[in-house]
Each structure stands twice: as C-alpha cells, then as structure tokens.
Amino acid sequence: MLTLSSSQIPFIQLSEGWYLNIITQRIATITAPHGEIKTTYFGFEDKEKAEQFKQSIMNKKLCFSAKVRHSERLTLFNWEVKVWGCSQNLLDNLVKRCLA
C-alpha cells in the first residue's frame, strides 16, 4: 500500500474537520473529521475518457458508485469522476502511475 504522510499532501479545509486532499494534479480525496476518505476525484481532459474510466471501475467493482461531471474539485481538468467507496488498491496504483 502506498503511504504518504499528511505533510506531503496539500489540502484545503472545506469545513470543520472536512478536507480536500490534493494527492496529485489528477487525483484528490475528501476526508471526514475522523480521517476516513468519503469521496475520491479523478480528473480528465475530456468527457469520453472520464466515462470510460467510470465504466471500467464500475465493471471491475473497484468502487460503490461513480459519477462523471464537470470539474468542481480538480479545476485543472474539464471533467472529473467523483467516486464513492474507491478501493485503496485502485487509488494506490493510480497515484503510483501519476508520481512515476
């Protein structure tokens, strides 16, 4: 499992105890007051790639639910996939790719 210390990850406080954690330019999470990840975001340049990613992770059961939308959290991208229940394995693998 990939381990990043909280001092390595830039974050934005959204409200008391809730944080947007910018893991890479393309990946972010929102954590609740007790530190658990509530949602994960993956950024894409175009809607088609975002839809393909969503279908892939849903088909492989790597999350509970996912939604493609215009970017609200990852503003460097036009589109993002908002994911609930993202598997830690998926998150780790994609972060490793982004940081490689």
C-alpha atoms as a PDB file:
ATOM      1  CA  MET A   1       0.000   0.000   0.000  1.00  0.00           C
ATOM      2  CA  LEU A   2       1.229   3.486  -0.882  1.00  0.00           C
ATOM      3  CA  THR A   3       1.774   5.632   2.171  1.00  0.00           C
ATOM      4  CA  LEU A   4       2.041   9.387   2.012  1.00  0.00           C
ATOM      5  CA  SER A   5       2.333  11.390   5.176  1.00  0.00           C
ATOM      6  CA  SER A   6      -0.170  14.161   5.671  1.00  0.00           C
ATOM      7  CA  SER A   7       2.687  16.675   5.465  1.00  0.00           C
ATOM      8  CA  GLN A   8       3.325  15.546   1.850  1.00  0.00           C
ATOM      9  CA  ILE A   9      -0.242  16.143   0.659  1.00  0.00           C
ATOM     10  CA  PRO A  10      -1.542  19.673   0.130  1.00  0.00           C
ATOM     11  CA  PHE A  11      -5.061  20.131   1.449  1.00  0.00           C
ATOM     12  CA  ILE A  12      -7.872  22.654   1.569  1.00  0.00           C
ATOM     13  CA  GLN A  13     -10.159  22.817   4.568  1.00  0.00           C
ATOM     14  CA  LEU A  14     -13.755  22.680   3.329  1.00  0.00           C
ATOM     15  CA  SER A  15     -15.481  22.949   6.695  1.00  0.00           C
ATOM     16  CA  GLU A  16     -14.634  21.982  10.238  1.00  0.00           C
ATOM     17  CA  GLY A  17     -12.799  18.668  10.011  1.00  0.00           C
ATOM     18  CA  TRP A  18     -13.516  18.106   6.295  1.00  0.00           C
ATOM     19  CA  TYR A  19     -10.590  18.388   3.866  1.00  0.00           C
ATOM     20  CA  LEU A  20      -9.932  18.226   0.149  1.00  0.00           C
ATOM     21  CA  ASN A  21      -6.587  16.419  -0.145  1.00  0.00           C
ATOM     22  CA  ILE A  22      -4.743  17.067  -3.410  1.00  0.00           C
ATOM     23  CA  ILE A  23      -2.809  13.836  -3.917  1.00  0.00           C
ATOM     24  CA  THR A  24      -1.716  14.645  -7.491  1.00  0.00           C
ATOM     25  CA  GLN A  25      -2.959  17.176 -10.040  1.00  0.00           C
ATOM     26  CA  ARG A  26      -5.308  14.463 -11.310  1.00  0.00           C
ATOM     27  CA  ILE A  27      -6.369  12.789  -8.035  1.00  0.00           C
ATOM     28  CA  ALA A  28      -7.929  14.171  -4.854  1.00  0.00           C
ATOM     29  CA  THR A  29      -9.894  12.857  -1.897  1.00  0.00           C
ATOM     30  CA  ILE A  30     -12.262  14.356   0.623  1.00  0.00           C
ATOM     31  CA  THR A  31     -11.784  13.178   4.171  1.00  0.00           C
ATOM     32  CA  ALA A  32     -14.240  13.413   7.041  1.00  0.00           C
ATOM     33  CA  PRO A  33     -13.377  14.697  10.523  1.00  0.00           C
ATOM     34  CA  HIS A  34     -12.090  11.297  11.679  1.00  0.00           C
ATOM     35  CA  GLY A  35      -9.842  10.924   8.620  1.00  0.00           C
ATOM     36  CA  GLU A  36     -11.810   8.427   6.562  1.00  0.00           C
ATOM     37  CA  ILE A  37     -11.974   9.009   2.816  1.00  0.00           C
ATOM     38  CA  LYS A  38     -15.535   9.849   1.795  1.00  0.00           C
ATOM     39  CA  THR A  39     -15.052  10.584  -1.910  1.00  0.00           C
ATOM     40  CA  THR A  40     -12.248  10.391  -4.441  1.00  0.00           C
ATOM     41  CA  TYR A  41     -11.899  12.505  -7.584  1.00  0.00           C
ATOM     42  CA  PHE A  42     -10.083  11.707 -10.825  1.00  0.00           C
ATOM     43  CA  GLY A  43      -9.541  14.466 -13.403  1.00  0.00           C
ATOM     44  CA  PHE A  44      -9.817  14.139 -17.189  1.00  0.00           C
ATOM     45  CA  GLU A  45      -9.440  16.454 -20.164  1.00  0.00           C
ATOM     46  CA  ASP A  46     -12.484  15.114 -21.983  1.00  0.00           C
ATOM     47  CA  LYS A  47     -15.806  13.561 -21.088  1.00  0.00           C
ATOM     48  CA  GLU A  48     -15.272  10.411 -23.164  1.00  0.00           C
ATOM     49  CA  LYS A  49     -12.163   9.409 -21.185  1.00  0.00           C
ATOM     50  CA  ALA A  50     -13.947  10.159 -17.925  1.00  0.00           C
ATOM     51  CA  GLU A  51     -16.905   7.981 -18.974  1.00  0.00           C
ATOM     52  CA  GLN A  52     -14.558   5.146 -19.989  1.00  0.00           C
ATOM     53  CA  PHE A  53     -12.778   5.323 -16.636  1.00  0.00           C
ATOM     54  CA  LYS A  54     -16.082   5.317 -14.764  1.00  0.00           C
ATOM     55  CA  GLN A  55     -17.336   2.283 -16.687  1.00  0.00           C
ATOM     56  CA  SER A  56     -14.073   0.437 -16.112  1.00  0.00           C
ATOM     57  CA  ILE A  57     -14.010   0.928 -12.346  1.00  0.00           C
ATOM     58  CA  MET A  58     -17.718   0.147 -12.029  1.00  0.00           C
ATOM     59  CA  ASN A  59     -17.405  -3.031 -14.124  1.00  0.00           C
ATOM     60  CA  LYS A  60     -14.414  -4.172 -12.050  1.00  0.00           C
ATOM     61  CA  LYS A  61     -16.274  -3.321  -8.817  1.00  0.00           C
ATOM     62  CA  LEU A  62     -13.473  -1.016  -7.651  1.00  0.00           C
ATOM     63  CA  CYS A  63     -15.960   1.388  -6.066  1.00  0.00           C
ATOM     64  CA  PHE A  64     -19.528   1.597  -4.787  1.00  0.00           C
ATOM     65  CA  SER A  65     -20.644   4.356  -7.120  1.00  0.00           C
ATOM     66  CA  ALA A  66     -19.207   6.888  -9.570  1.00  0.00           C
ATOM     67  CA  LYS A  67     -20.429   9.942 -11.428  1.00  0.00           C
ATOM     68  CA  VAL A  68     -18.941  11.925 -14.327  1.00  0.00           C
ATOM     69  CA  ARG A  69     -19.359  15.673 -14.009  1.00  0.00           C
ATOM     70  CA  HIS A  70     -17.812  18.986 -14.994  1.00  0.00           C
ATOM     71  CA  SER A  71     -14.864  19.521 -12.679  1.00  0.00           C
ATOM     72  CA  GLU A  72     -15.643  21.151  -9.377  1.00  0.00           C
ATOM     73  CA  ARG A  73     -12.717  19.918  -7.282  1.00  0.00           C
ATOM     74  CA  LEU A  74      -9.960  19.286  -9.850  1.00  0.00           C
ATOM     75  CA  THR A  75     -10.187  22.576 -11.692  1.00  0.00           C
ATOM     76  CA  LEU A  76      -7.148  21.943 -13.908  1.00  0.00           C
ATOM     77  CA  PHE A  77      -9.348  19.486 -15.801  1.00  0.00           C
ATOM     78  CA  ASN A  78     -12.618  19.907 -17.674  1.00  0.00           C
ATOM     79  CA  TRP A  79     -14.144  16.705 -16.298  1.00  0.00           C
ATOM     80  CA  GLU A  80     -13.860  14.631 -13.179  1.00  0.00           C
ATOM     81  CA  VAL A  81     -15.152  11.317 -11.959  1.00  0.00           C
ATOM     82  CA  LYS A  82     -16.469  11.550  -8.418  1.00  0.00           C
ATOM     83  CA  VAL A  83     -16.138   8.146  -6.759  1.00  0.00           C
ATOM     84  CA  TRP A  84     -17.655   6.772  -3.569  1.00  0.00           C
ATOM     85  CA  GLY A  85     -16.045   3.762  -1.925  1.00  0.00           C
ATOM     86  CA  CYS A  86     -12.909   3.836  -4.071  1.00  0.00           C
ATOM     87  CA  SER A  87     -10.772   0.768  -3.439  1.00  0.00           C
ATOM     88  CA  GLN A  88      -7.453   1.529  -1.788  1.00  0.00           C
ATOM     89  CA  ASN A  89      -5.753  -0.664  -4.383  1.00  0.00           C
ATOM     90  CA  LEU A  90      -7.109   1.463  -7.250  1.00  0.00           C
ATOM     91  CA  LEU A  91      -6.091   4.670  -5.516  1.00  0.00           C
ATOM     92  CA  ASP A  92      -2.590   3.374  -4.749  1.00  0.00           C
ATOM     93  CA  ASN A  93      -1.999   2.130  -8.308  1.00  0.00           C
ATOM     94  CA  LEU A  94      -3.155   5.344  -9.954  1.00  0.00           C
ATOM     95  CA  VAL A  95      -1.175   7.546  -7.576  1.00  0.00           C
ATOM     96  CA  LYS A  96       1.960   5.498  -8.279  1.00  0.00           C
ATOM     97  CA  ARG A  97       1.404   5.982 -12.024  1.00  0.00           C
ATOM     98  CA  CYS A  98       0.920   9.731 -11.625  1.00  0.00           C
ATOM     99  CA  LEU A  99       4.048  10.064  -9.486  1.00  0.00           C
ATOM    100  CA  ALA A 100       6.225   7.846 -11.716  1.00  0.00           C
END
